[in-house]
Amino acid sequence: MSHQAFEAIGDHIAEREGYVGLQGMKAIHRYLIEKFRWQPEEVRKLSAEDLELLLAGYEEKSTTDWN
């Protein structure tokens, strides 16, 4: 998944979750922190491959082209 695709997913998550002032990767990080109750440093250490796997289940993915 490209960096641009992650940014688009993050923007979508921010809008859906009501994250004011967060976009892109920061919104993805906050979403994962809240969903899995991970510490921020744990989320920041995830590889792009790990993030893609974790976000594969995001419910809107099936209707949006993020690639």
Protein backbone atom coordinates (compact mmCIF):
# COMPACT_ATOMS: atom_id res chain seq x y z
CA MET A 1 0.00 0.00 0.00
CA SER A 2 1.37 3.41 -0.90
CA HIS A 3 1.97 6.31 1.46
CA GLN A 4 -0.79 8.17 -0.37
CA ALA A 5 -3.19 5.28 0.30
CA PHE A 6 -2.40 5.35 4.02
CA GLU A 7 -3.00 9.11 4.07
CA ALA A 8 -6.40 8.62 2.39
CA ILE A 9 -7.37 5.92 4.88
CA GLY A 10 -6.29 8.13 7.75
CA ASP A 11 -8.31 11.06 6.44
CA HIS A 12 -11.35 8.83 6.14
CA ILE A 13 -10.87 7.46 9.65
CA ALA A 14 -10.46 10.99 11.05
CA GLU A 15 -13.71 12.09 9.45
CA ARG A 16 -15.62 9.00 10.54
CA GLU A 17 -14.29 8.98 14.10
CA GLY A 18 -14.57 12.76 14.56
CA TYR A 19 -10.85 13.36 15.10
CA VAL A 20 -10.61 17.14 15.02
CA GLY A 21 -7.19 18.34 13.86
CA LEU A 22 -5.90 14.88 12.96
CA GLN A 23 -5.37 13.57 9.44
CA GLY A 24 -3.45 10.87 7.64
CA MET A 25 -1.05 8.75 9.65
CA LYS A 26 -1.77 10.58 12.90
CA ALA A 27 -5.44 9.60 12.61
CA ILE A 28 -4.46 5.99 11.87
CA HIS A 29 -2.22 5.95 14.92
CA ARG A 30 -4.95 7.35 17.18
CA TYR A 31 -7.47 4.85 15.80
CA LEU A 32 -5.15 1.92 16.55
CA ILE A 33 -4.29 3.28 20.01
CA GLU A 34 -7.98 3.50 20.88
CA LYS A 35 -9.02 0.25 19.22
CA PHE A 36 -6.29 -1.97 20.66
CA ARG A 37 -5.34 0.11 23.74
CA TRP A 38 -1.73 0.19 22.61
CA GLN A 39 0.77 2.78 23.70
CA PRO A 40 1.71 5.42 21.09
CA GLU A 41 5.29 4.19 20.85
CA GLU A 42 4.03 0.68 20.02
CA VAL A 43 1.88 2.01 17.18
CA ARG A 44 4.68 4.19 15.78
CA LYS A 45 6.94 1.12 15.54
CA LEU A 46 4.54 -0.79 13.23
CA SER A 47 5.80 -1.43 9.72
CA ALA A 48 3.81 -0.48 6.63
CA GLU A 49 3.07 -4.18 6.16
CA ASP A 50 1.74 -4.45 9.72
CA LEU A 51 -0.43 -1.35 9.25
CA GLU A 52 -1.85 -2.71 6.02
CA LEU A 53 -2.79 -5.95 7.76
CA LEU A 54 -4.39 -4.15 10.70
CA LEU A 55 -6.36 -1.80 8.46
CA ALA A 56 -7.55 -4.53 6.09
CA GLY A 57 -10.58 -5.04 8.30
CA TYR A 58 -11.57 -1.39 8.40
CA GLU A 59 -15.22 -1.60 7.41
CA GLU A 60 -15.20 1.11 4.73
CA LYS A 61 -12.31 -0.42 2.78
CA SER A 62 -14.58 -2.54 0.61
CA THR A 63 -16.28 0.53 -0.84
CA THR A 64 -13.29 2.84 -1.23
CA ASP A 65 -10.32 2.59 -3.58
CA TRP A 66 -7.27 3.60 -1.53
CA ASN A 67 -4.56 2.26 -3.81
